[in-house]
Amino acid sequence: MPEVSVIMPVYNEKENFLKESIESILNQSFSDFEFLIVNDGSDEKTSAILENYAKSDRRITIINNDSNLGLTKSLNISLKKAQGKFIARMDSDDISLSDRLEKQLPFLQKNNLDLIGANCDIIDENGNILKEKRISPPYNMKKNLLRGNFFTHATLFGQKKVFDELYDENFKRAQDYEFLLRILGKGYSLGYMPDSILKYRLHQKAISSASAKEQEWFALKARVLAIKNYGYNFVYTSYILRALLSFIIPYKLKCFIIYKLNR
């Protein structure tokens, strides 16, 4: 039985992004892992790439969805099949640093935590660093998480029992935010590792005003559920009002305010 299960859904990813992502896991300095890749109804080209990698490395298991089910359901499918004591998230366009797993596992155990996130470098389509994301671990995790999701989804690493809670399949977007708020509300311990362990790729395919507004809507819904069902202090309701105000502001106007007026 492997120590770690790395889970990664894939849907028609750009070839070079996908290869870089897969190889960044296969080349980890920590090798006791299984790599569960969910092929979420991808085209023949993507499917062939995945199958070729699976033939070359026995740690890879391809799980084929009959149709495109989306990220949330694909994550849950892989979690139900995972056999490792610990789970590591990965996205098909990101790059894990070679010592990622070697660093995350002892950090989690040493600090007696259930789930951790970590810092990362944000890169463009060509791999150039756009920004170094550096967050200091917050003193009040509940308060700061309700204010906004500072975790990068693909950096999550935690005990299998936490991920057995599964993602809420009612959340097409912000599923990671709802998951984090829920497990923290249930009493699991969350931590944040200051090391940068991932290159998070930002590219045009992932950016649109429609998806951004949808993301905001589901994040707003997650906050409401957290206060309603998971024991978050009602005083934090102001964060919901601020999120609602942000949602109401047109996306293009918000971009103008953030990127033009702050120059």
Protein backbone atom coordinates (compact mmCIF):
# COMPACT_ATOMS: atom_id res chain seq x y z
CA MET A 1 0.00 0.00 0.00
CA PRO A 2 1.49 3.39 -1.01
CA GLU A 3 2.18 6.07 1.55
CA VAL A 4 0.74 8.84 -0.65
CA SER A 5 -1.93 8.99 -3.34
CA VAL A 6 -1.53 11.83 -5.83
CA ILE A 7 -4.84 12.63 -7.53
CA MET A 8 -5.16 14.58 -10.77
CA PRO A 9 -8.20 15.02 -13.03
CA VAL A 10 -7.47 15.72 -16.72
CA TYR A 11 -9.71 17.07 -19.46
CA ASN A 12 -8.23 17.87 -22.88
CA GLU A 13 -5.13 19.52 -21.46
CA LYS A 14 -2.52 21.16 -23.70
CA GLU A 15 0.10 18.52 -24.49
CA ASN A 16 3.19 20.26 -23.14
CA PHE A 17 1.39 21.39 -19.98
CA LEU A 18 0.16 17.85 -19.33
CA LYS A 19 3.56 16.25 -19.88
CA GLU A 20 5.31 18.75 -17.63
CA SER A 21 2.73 18.16 -14.92
CA ILE A 22 2.91 14.36 -15.03
CA GLU A 23 6.70 14.29 -15.15
CA SER A 24 6.94 16.66 -12.19
CA ILE A 25 5.18 13.99 -10.11
CA LEU A 26 7.06 11.02 -11.53
CA ASN A 27 10.36 12.79 -10.77
CA GLN A 28 9.60 13.42 -7.10
CA SER A 29 12.45 12.72 -4.66
CA PHE A 30 9.87 10.89 -2.51
CA SER A 31 8.83 7.83 -4.49
CA ASP A 32 6.36 5.86 -2.33
CA PHE A 33 3.20 7.03 -4.05
CA GLU A 34 0.47 6.02 -6.46
CA PHE A 35 -0.57 8.48 -9.15
CA LEU A 36 -4.31 8.39 -9.87
CA ILE A 37 -5.15 10.27 -13.05
CA VAL A 38 -8.82 10.68 -13.91
CA ASN A 39 -9.34 11.00 -17.65
CA ASP A 40 -12.54 13.02 -17.63
CA GLY A 41 -13.81 12.26 -21.13
CA SER A 42 -10.77 13.69 -22.94
CA ASP A 43 -10.12 13.47 -26.67
CA GLU A 44 -8.04 10.69 -28.25
CA LYS A 45 -4.82 12.70 -28.22
CA THR A 46 -4.95 13.39 -24.48
CA SER A 47 -6.05 9.82 -23.75
CA ALA A 48 -3.12 8.41 -25.73
CA ILE A 49 -0.64 10.55 -23.79
CA LEU A 50 -2.05 9.29 -20.50
CA GLU A 51 -1.99 5.66 -21.56
CA ASN A 52 1.63 5.93 -22.74
CA TYR A 53 2.70 7.28 -19.36
CA ALA A 54 0.76 4.54 -17.57
CA LYS A 55 2.60 1.90 -19.59
CA SER A 56 5.97 3.38 -18.64
CA ASP A 57 5.41 3.76 -14.89
CA ARG A 58 3.52 1.25 -12.74
CA ARG A 59 2.69 3.93 -10.14
CA ILE A 60 0.22 5.49 -12.58
CA THR A 61 -3.40 4.34 -12.69
CA ILE A 62 -5.72 5.83 -15.30
CA ILE A 63 -9.38 6.09 -14.34
CA ASN A 64 -11.51 6.70 -17.43
CA ASN A 65 -14.83 8.51 -17.14
CA ASP A 66 -17.31 7.55 -19.88
CA SER A 67 -18.15 11.22 -20.34
CA ASN A 68 -17.03 14.59 -19.05
CA LEU A 69 -18.27 14.73 -15.44
CA GLY A 70 -16.41 17.83 -14.33
CA LEU A 71 -13.73 18.51 -11.74
CA THR A 72 -15.72 17.93 -8.56
CA LYS A 73 -17.06 14.50 -9.46
CA SER A 74 -13.72 13.45 -10.92
CA LEU A 75 -11.96 14.36 -7.69
CA ASN A 76 -14.39 12.26 -5.68
CA ILE A 77 -13.99 9.30 -8.03
CA SER A 78 -10.23 9.33 -7.50
CA LEU A 79 -10.55 9.82 -3.73
CA LYS A 80 -12.77 6.75 -3.43
CA LYS A 81 -10.12 4.68 -5.19
CA ALA A 82 -7.11 6.13 -3.39
CA GLN A 83 -5.20 3.68 -1.19
CA GLY A 84 -2.55 5.94 0.32
CA LYS A 85 -2.47 7.11 3.94
CA PHE A 86 -2.10 10.64 2.62
CA ILE A 87 -3.53 12.53 -0.36
CA ALA A 88 -1.80 15.12 -2.55
CA ARG A 89 -3.73 17.24 -5.04
CA MET A 90 -2.36 18.04 -8.45
CA ASP A 91 -3.65 19.89 -11.51
CA SER A 92 -2.85 18.92 -15.08
CA ASP A 93 -1.32 22.27 -16.05
CA ASP A 94 0.79 22.90 -12.93
CA ILE A 95 4.30 21.77 -12.03
CA SER A 96 5.23 20.29 -8.65
CA LEU A 97 8.77 20.98 -7.49
CA SER A 98 10.85 17.82 -7.20
CA ASP A 99 10.93 17.85 -3.38
CA ARG A 100 7.25 18.67 -2.89
CA LEU A 101 6.13 15.39 -1.32
CA GLU A 102 9.39 15.03 0.60
CA LYS A 103 8.69 18.38 2.27
CA GLN A 104 4.92 18.21 2.76
CA LEU A 105 4.69 14.84 4.49
CA PRO A 106 7.09 15.59 7.39
CA PHE A 107 5.68 19.11 7.79
CA LEU A 108 2.18 17.68 8.21
CA GLN A 109 3.35 15.02 10.68
CA LYS A 110 5.72 17.24 12.69
CA ASN A 111 2.99 19.83 13.26
CA ASN A 112 0.28 17.23 13.95
CA LEU A 113 -2.00 18.61 11.24
CA ASP A 114 -4.77 17.02 9.18
CA LEU A 115 -4.43 19.12 6.03
CA ILE A 116 -1.99 21.70 4.71
CA GLY A 117 -1.57 24.07 1.82
CA ALA A 118 1.63 25.76 0.71
CA ASN A 119 3.05 28.71 -1.17
CA CYS A 120 3.67 28.62 -4.90
CA ASP A 121 5.02 30.57 -7.84
CA ILE A 122 2.51 31.78 -10.41
CA ILE A 123 3.78 31.23 -13.97
CA ASP A 124 2.55 32.11 -17.45
CA GLU A 125 2.04 29.80 -20.42
CA ASN A 126 5.77 29.79 -21.13
CA GLY A 127 6.80 29.00 -17.56
CA ASN A 128 7.91 32.54 -16.70
CA ILE A 129 7.27 33.55 -13.09
CA LEU A 130 4.59 36.25 -12.89
CA LYS A 131 4.35 36.43 -9.12
CA GLU A 132 5.68 34.68 -6.04
CA LYS A 133 2.72 33.85 -3.82
CA ARG A 134 3.94 34.08 -0.23
CA ILE A 135 1.38 33.84 2.58
CA SER A 136 2.23 33.72 6.26
CA PRO A 137 0.23 31.16 8.29
CA PRO A 138 -2.72 33.05 9.84
CA TYR A 139 -3.21 33.16 13.61
CA ASN A 140 -7.00 32.77 13.35
CA MET A 141 -7.56 30.23 10.55
CA LYS A 142 -11.37 30.34 10.68
CA LYS A 143 -11.59 34.11 10.48
CA ASN A 144 -9.03 34.46 7.73
CA LEU A 145 -10.38 31.60 5.62
CA LEU A 146 -13.91 32.99 5.73
CA ARG A 147 -12.54 36.32 4.57
CA GLY A 148 -11.16 34.64 1.46
CA ASN A 149 -9.53 31.47 0.17
CA PHE A 150 -5.77 31.93 0.35
CA PHE A 151 -5.06 28.23 -0.30
CA THR A 152 -3.97 27.14 -3.78
CA HIS A 153 -5.99 24.00 -4.51
CA ALA A 154 -3.20 22.06 -6.20
CA THR A 155 -0.93 22.45 -3.13
CA LEU A 156 -3.30 20.62 -0.77
CA PHE A 157 -1.80 17.67 1.08
CA GLY A 158 -3.46 15.82 3.94
CA GLN A 159 -4.54 12.71 5.72
CA LYS A 160 -6.86 10.36 3.87
CA LYS A 161 -9.52 10.68 6.59
CA VAL A 162 -9.90 14.37 5.72
CA PHE A 163 -10.39 13.72 2.02
CA ASP A 164 -12.86 10.95 2.87
CA GLU A 165 -15.23 13.85 3.59
CA LEU A 166 -15.21 14.31 -0.22
CA TYR A 167 -16.01 17.41 -2.23
CA ASP A 168 -19.58 18.72 -2.40
CA GLU A 169 -20.80 17.83 -5.90
CA ASN A 170 -23.28 20.72 -5.80
CA PHE A 171 -20.27 23.00 -6.26
CA LYS A 172 -19.22 23.25 -9.90
CA ARG A 173 -16.67 25.90 -8.88
CA ALA A 174 -15.04 26.93 -5.59
CA GLN A 175 -15.31 23.26 -4.57
CA ASP A 176 -11.97 23.54 -2.79
CA TYR A 177 -13.13 26.58 -0.82
CA GLU A 178 -16.32 24.85 0.33
CA PHE A 179 -14.27 21.77 1.24
CA LEU A 180 -11.79 23.78 3.33
CA LEU A 181 -14.49 25.74 5.16
CA ARG A 182 -16.42 22.55 5.88
CA ILE A 183 -13.57 20.44 7.22
CA LEU A 184 -12.28 23.31 9.35
CA GLY A 185 -15.79 23.72 10.74
CA LYS A 186 -15.87 20.00 11.55
CA GLY A 187 -12.78 20.31 13.72
CA TYR A 188 -9.98 19.14 11.43
CA SER A 189 -6.71 21.02 11.84
CA LEU A 190 -5.48 23.07 8.89
CA GLY A 191 -2.01 24.47 8.41
CA TYR A 192 -0.03 26.39 5.85
CA MET A 193 3.54 25.59 4.84
CA PRO A 194 5.67 28.66 4.00
CA ASP A 195 7.78 26.80 1.41
CA SER A 196 6.97 27.17 -2.27
CA ILE A 197 6.28 23.68 -3.61
CA LEU A 198 4.45 24.28 -6.90
CA LYS A 199 4.42 26.32 -10.09
CA TYR A 200 0.81 27.37 -10.64
CA ARG A 201 0.12 28.06 -14.30
CA LEU A 202 -2.07 31.01 -15.22
CA HIS A 203 -3.19 30.96 -18.84
CA GLN A 204 -5.87 32.40 -21.08
CA LYS A 205 -8.00 29.25 -21.08
CA ALA A 206 -8.56 29.66 -17.35
CA ILE A 207 -9.53 33.34 -17.47
CA SER A 208 -12.98 34.66 -18.43
CA SER A 209 -15.47 37.08 -16.92
CA ALA A 210 -18.19 34.41 -16.90
CA SER A 211 -16.10 31.85 -15.00
CA ALA A 212 -14.84 34.53 -12.60
CA LYS A 213 -18.39 35.57 -11.69
CA GLU A 214 -19.45 31.95 -11.32
CA GLN A 215 -16.46 31.34 -9.05
CA GLU A 216 -17.48 34.31 -6.90
CA TRP A 217 -21.04 33.07 -6.67
CA PHE A 218 -20.08 29.62 -5.45
CA ALA A 219 -17.55 31.10 -3.01
CA LEU A 220 -20.32 33.31 -1.62
CA LYS A 221 -22.54 30.25 -1.24
CA ALA A 222 -19.74 28.42 0.58
CA ARG A 223 -19.43 31.25 3.11
CA VAL A 224 -23.18 31.19 3.81
CA LEU A 225 -23.09 27.43 4.41
CA ALA A 226 -20.09 27.81 6.72
CA ILE A 227 -21.90 30.24 9.00
CA LYS A 228 -25.20 28.38 8.78
CA ASN A 229 -23.96 24.80 9.25
CA TYR A 230 -20.38 24.68 10.52
CA GLY A 231 -20.18 26.92 13.57
CA TYR A 232 -18.46 29.98 12.13
CA ASN A 233 -18.93 33.09 14.26
CA PHE A 234 -21.95 35.10 13.14
CA VAL A 235 -19.82 38.22 13.62
CA TYR A 236 -18.03 37.21 10.41
CA THR A 237 -21.22 37.86 8.42
CA SER A 238 -19.62 41.12 7.30
CA TYR A 239 -17.34 39.03 5.07
CA ILE A 240 -20.41 37.72 3.27
CA LEU A 241 -21.67 41.25 2.71
CA ARG A 242 -18.30 42.29 1.31
CA ALA A 243 -18.26 39.23 -0.97
CA LEU A 244 -21.78 40.05 -2.12
CA LEU A 245 -20.77 43.61 -2.94
CA SER A 246 -17.79 42.30 -4.90
CA PHE A 247 -20.09 39.93 -6.80
CA ILE A 248 -22.47 42.74 -7.73
CA ILE A 249 -19.71 44.90 -9.21
CA PRO A 250 -19.32 44.11 -12.95
CA TYR A 251 -16.20 42.06 -13.65
CA LYS A 252 -14.76 44.52 -16.20
CA LEU A 253 -15.27 47.46 -13.83
CA LYS A 254 -13.57 45.52 -11.03
CA CYS A 255 -10.58 44.78 -13.27
CA PHE A 256 -10.39 48.48 -14.18
CA ILE A 257 -10.44 49.51 -10.52
CA ILE A 258 -7.80 46.95 -9.53
CA TYR A 259 -5.43 47.25 -12.48
CA LYS A 260 -5.90 50.86 -13.61
CA LEU A 261 -6.51 52.95 -10.51
CA ASN A 262 -3.74 51.25 -8.53
CA ARG A 263 -1.03 52.09 -11.06
